[in-house]
Amino acid sequence: MEPVEKVCKDAKMAKSDVDDVVLVGGVHDTKDTRDDKNFLNGKEPCKSIIQMEAVAYGAAVHAAILTGQGSDAN
């Protein structure tokens, strides 16, 4: 759960600000899902999103941030 805590801290967000949880990569066994659910105050991981699409979208957003594209500065 350390990476999740870091992301929330970096984004200046509380766990309660998280609307949806998407688990990507690796095998998500029952223990991992239970730990994630407990950490996020009972929120169930979203199962309606295609994991690889979420990864691709996140990579595109990150690339746009790194290159400054899509920002108000351009």
N, C-alpha and C. Protein backbone atom coordinates (compact mmCIF):
# COMPACT_ATOMS: atom_id res chain seq x y z
N MET A 1 0.82 -1.20 0.00
CA MET A 1 0.00 0.00 0.00
C MET A 1 0.86 1.26 0.00
N GLU A 2 2.16 1.10 0.18
CA GLU A 2 3.07 2.25 0.19
C GLU A 2 2.97 3.08 -1.10
N PRO A 3 2.96 2.46 -2.30
CA PRO A 3 2.82 3.28 -3.52
C PRO A 3 1.52 4.08 -3.56
N VAL A 4 0.44 3.49 -3.06
CA VAL A 4 -0.85 4.20 -3.05
C VAL A 4 -0.78 5.40 -2.11
N GLU A 5 -0.18 5.20 -0.94
CA GLU A 5 -0.02 6.31 0.00
C GLU A 5 0.80 7.44 -0.62
N LYS A 6 1.87 7.07 -1.35
CA LYS A 6 2.74 8.08 -1.97
C LYS A 6 1.98 8.86 -3.05
N VAL A 7 1.21 8.13 -3.85
CA VAL A 7 0.43 8.81 -4.90
C VAL A 7 -0.54 9.80 -4.28
N CYS A 8 -1.24 9.39 -3.23
CA CYS A 8 -2.19 10.29 -2.57
C CYS A 8 -1.45 11.51 -2.01
N LYS A 9 -0.31 11.28 -1.40
CA LYS A 9 0.46 12.38 -0.83
C LYS A 9 0.94 13.33 -1.92
N ASP A 10 1.51 12.76 -3.02
CA ASP A 10 2.00 13.59 -4.13
C ASP A 10 0.88 14.41 -4.77
N ALA A 11 -0.31 13.82 -4.83
CA ALA A 11 -1.45 14.50 -5.44
C ALA A 11 -2.17 15.42 -4.45
N LYS A 12 -1.66 15.44 -3.20
CA LYS A 12 -2.30 16.23 -2.14
C LYS A 12 -3.78 15.86 -2.01
N MET A 13 -4.02 14.55 -1.98
CA MET A 13 -5.37 14.01 -1.87
C MET A 13 -5.49 13.14 -0.64
N ALA A 14 -6.65 13.13 -0.06
CA ALA A 14 -6.95 12.19 1.02
C ALA A 14 -7.54 10.93 0.40
N LYS A 15 -7.48 9.84 1.13
CA LYS A 15 -8.08 8.60 0.63
C LYS A 15 -9.55 8.81 0.31
N SER A 16 -10.20 9.64 1.06
CA SER A 16 -11.63 9.88 0.84
C SER A 16 -11.90 10.63 -0.47
N ASP A 17 -10.87 11.24 -1.06
CA ASP A 17 -11.03 11.94 -2.34
C ASP A 17 -11.01 11.00 -3.54
N VAL A 18 -10.62 9.74 -3.32
CA VAL A 18 -10.52 8.77 -4.41
C VAL A 18 -11.92 8.29 -4.77
N ASP A 19 -12.29 8.46 -6.05
CA ASP A 19 -13.61 8.03 -6.52
C ASP A 19 -13.61 6.57 -6.95
N ASP A 20 -12.61 6.17 -7.74
CA ASP A 20 -12.56 4.82 -8.27
C ASP A 20 -11.16 4.25 -8.11
N VAL A 21 -11.08 2.95 -7.95
CA VAL A 21 -9.81 2.25 -7.82
C VAL A 21 -9.74 1.24 -8.95
N VAL A 22 -8.67 1.33 -9.76
CA VAL A 22 -8.46 0.39 -10.85
C VAL A 22 -7.14 -0.33 -10.58
N LEU A 23 -7.20 -1.64 -10.46
CA LEU A 23 -6.00 -2.44 -10.24
C LEU A 23 -5.48 -2.89 -11.59
N VAL A 24 -4.20 -2.60 -11.87
CA VAL A 24 -3.60 -3.01 -13.14
C VAL A 24 -2.28 -3.70 -12.88
N GLY A 25 -1.93 -4.62 -13.77
CA GLY A 25 -0.66 -5.33 -13.68
C GLY A 25 -0.67 -6.41 -12.64
N GLY A 26 -0.02 -7.51 -12.94
CA GLY A 26 0.11 -8.58 -11.97
C GLY A 26 -1.18 -9.33 -11.74
N VAL A 27 -1.12 -10.21 -10.79
CA VAL A 27 -2.28 -11.01 -10.42
C VAL A 27 -2.89 -10.39 -9.18
N HIS A 28 -4.18 -10.20 -9.20
CA HIS A 28 -4.87 -9.58 -8.07
C HIS A 28 -5.60 -10.67 -7.30
N ASP A 29 -4.92 -11.21 -6.32
CA ASP A 29 -5.55 -12.25 -5.53
C ASP A 29 -6.47 -11.64 -4.48
N THR A 30 -7.16 -12.49 -3.80
CA THR A 30 -8.15 -12.03 -2.82
C THR A 30 -7.53 -11.19 -1.72
N LYS A 31 -6.33 -11.58 -1.24
CA LYS A 31 -5.67 -10.82 -0.17
C LYS A 31 -5.34 -9.41 -0.64
N ASP A 32 -4.79 -9.26 -1.86
CA ASP A 32 -4.46 -7.93 -2.38
C ASP A 32 -5.71 -7.07 -2.48
N THR A 33 -6.77 -7.64 -3.02
CA THR A 33 -8.03 -6.90 -3.16
C THR A 33 -8.58 -6.50 -1.80
N ARG A 34 -8.51 -7.41 -0.84
CA ARG A 34 -9.00 -7.11 0.51
C ARG A 34 -8.17 -6.00 1.14
N ASP A 35 -6.83 -6.03 0.97
CA ASP A 35 -5.97 -4.98 1.51
C ASP A 35 -6.28 -3.63 0.87
N ASP A 36 -6.46 -3.63 -0.45
CA ASP A 36 -6.80 -2.39 -1.16
C ASP A 36 -8.13 -1.85 -0.66
N LYS A 37 -9.10 -2.72 -0.51
CA LYS A 37 -10.44 -2.32 -0.07
C LYS A 37 -10.37 -1.74 1.35
N ASN A 38 -9.61 -2.38 2.23
CA ASN A 38 -9.47 -1.87 3.59
C ASN A 38 -8.77 -0.52 3.60
N PHE A 39 -7.72 -0.37 2.80
CA PHE A 39 -6.96 0.87 2.76
C PHE A 39 -7.83 2.03 2.27
N LEU A 40 -8.71 1.77 1.33
CA LEU A 40 -9.52 2.82 0.72
C LEU A 40 -10.92 2.87 1.31
N ASN A 41 -11.03 2.58 2.58
CA ASN A 41 -12.29 2.72 3.32
C ASN A 41 -13.45 1.96 2.70
N GLY A 42 -13.19 0.72 2.30
CA GLY A 42 -14.25 -0.15 1.82
C GLY A 42 -14.59 -0.03 0.35
N LYS A 43 -13.88 0.80 -0.42
CA LYS A 43 -14.17 0.93 -1.85
C LYS A 43 -13.76 -0.34 -2.57
N GLU A 44 -14.64 -0.82 -3.41
CA GLU A 44 -14.35 -1.99 -4.24
C GLU A 44 -13.55 -1.56 -5.46
N PRO A 45 -12.58 -2.37 -5.88
CA PRO A 45 -11.88 -2.05 -7.14
C PRO A 45 -12.86 -2.06 -8.30
N CYS A 46 -12.70 -1.13 -9.22
CA CYS A 46 -13.56 -1.01 -10.39
C CYS A 46 -13.25 -2.16 -11.35
N LYS A 47 -14.27 -2.87 -11.76
CA LYS A 47 -14.08 -4.00 -12.67
C LYS A 47 -14.64 -3.71 -14.06
N SER A 48 -15.15 -2.51 -14.28
CA SER A 48 -15.76 -2.19 -15.57
C SER A 48 -14.77 -1.53 -16.53
N ILE A 49 -13.55 -1.29 -16.09
CA ILE A 49 -12.54 -0.64 -16.93
C ILE A 49 -11.55 -1.69 -17.40
N ILE A 50 -11.21 -1.64 -18.67
CA ILE A 50 -10.22 -2.57 -19.22
C ILE A 50 -8.85 -2.12 -18.74
N GLN A 51 -8.15 -3.02 -18.04
CA GLN A 51 -6.88 -2.67 -17.40
C GLN A 51 -5.86 -2.09 -18.37
N MET A 52 -5.69 -2.68 -19.52
CA MET A 52 -4.68 -2.19 -20.47
C MET A 52 -5.05 -0.80 -21.01
N GLU A 53 -6.33 -0.52 -21.14
CA GLU A 53 -6.75 0.82 -21.56
C GLU A 53 -6.39 1.84 -20.49
N ALA A 54 -6.56 1.47 -19.23
CA ALA A 54 -6.21 2.38 -18.13
C ALA A 54 -4.72 2.67 -18.14
N VAL A 55 -3.90 1.64 -18.38
CA VAL A 55 -2.46 1.83 -18.44
C VAL A 55 -2.09 2.74 -19.60
N ALA A 56 -2.67 2.50 -20.77
CA ALA A 56 -2.37 3.31 -21.95
C ALA A 56 -2.79 4.76 -21.73
N TYR A 57 -3.96 4.97 -21.15
CA TYR A 57 -4.44 6.33 -20.88
C TYR A 57 -3.51 7.04 -19.89
N GLY A 58 -3.13 6.33 -18.83
CA GLY A 58 -2.22 6.92 -17.84
C GLY A 58 -0.89 7.29 -18.46
N ALA A 59 -0.38 6.43 -19.34
CA ALA A 59 0.90 6.72 -20.02
C ALA A 59 0.76 7.95 -20.91
N ALA A 60 -0.36 8.08 -21.60
CA ALA A 60 -0.58 9.24 -22.46
C ALA A 60 -0.67 10.52 -21.65
N VAL A 61 -1.38 10.47 -20.53
CA VAL A 61 -1.48 11.65 -19.65
C VAL A 61 -0.11 12.03 -19.11
N HIS A 62 0.65 11.04 -18.68
CA HIS A 62 1.99 11.30 -18.14
C HIS A 62 2.89 11.90 -19.21
N ALA A 63 2.83 11.39 -20.43
CA ALA A 63 3.62 11.93 -21.54
C ALA A 63 3.24 13.38 -21.82
N ALA A 64 1.95 13.67 -21.79
CA ALA A 64 1.50 15.05 -22.03
C ALA A 64 2.02 15.99 -20.94
N ILE A 65 2.02 15.52 -19.71
CA ILE A 65 2.53 16.33 -18.61
C ILE A 65 4.02 16.59 -18.79
N LEU A 66 4.77 15.54 -19.12
CA LEU A 66 6.23 15.68 -19.27
C LEU A 66 6.61 16.60 -20.42
N THR A 67 5.81 16.60 -21.50
CA THR A 67 6.13 17.42 -22.67
C THR A 67 5.46 18.79 -22.64
N GLY A 68 4.55 18.99 -21.67
CA GLY A 68 3.85 20.27 -21.57
C GLY A 68 2.71 20.41 -22.56
N GLN A 69 2.40 19.36 -23.29
CA GLN A 69 1.30 19.42 -24.25
C GLN A 69 -0.03 19.38 -23.54
N GLY A 70 -0.96 20.13 -24.04
CA GLY A 70 -2.29 20.13 -23.46
C GLY A 70 -2.43 21.04 -22.25
N SER A 71 -1.36 21.71 -21.88
CA SER A 71 -1.45 22.62 -20.74
C SER A 71 -1.88 24.00 -21.21
N ASP A 72 -2.29 24.84 -20.30
CA ASP A 72 -2.70 26.20 -20.63
C ASP A 72 -1.52 27.05 -21.08
N ALA A 73 -0.29 26.60 -20.79
CA ALA A 73 0.91 27.37 -21.14
C ALA A 73 1.17 27.39 -22.63
N ASN A 74 0.58 26.43 -23.38
CA ASN A 74 0.84 26.36 -24.83
C ASN A 74 -0.11 27.19 -25.61
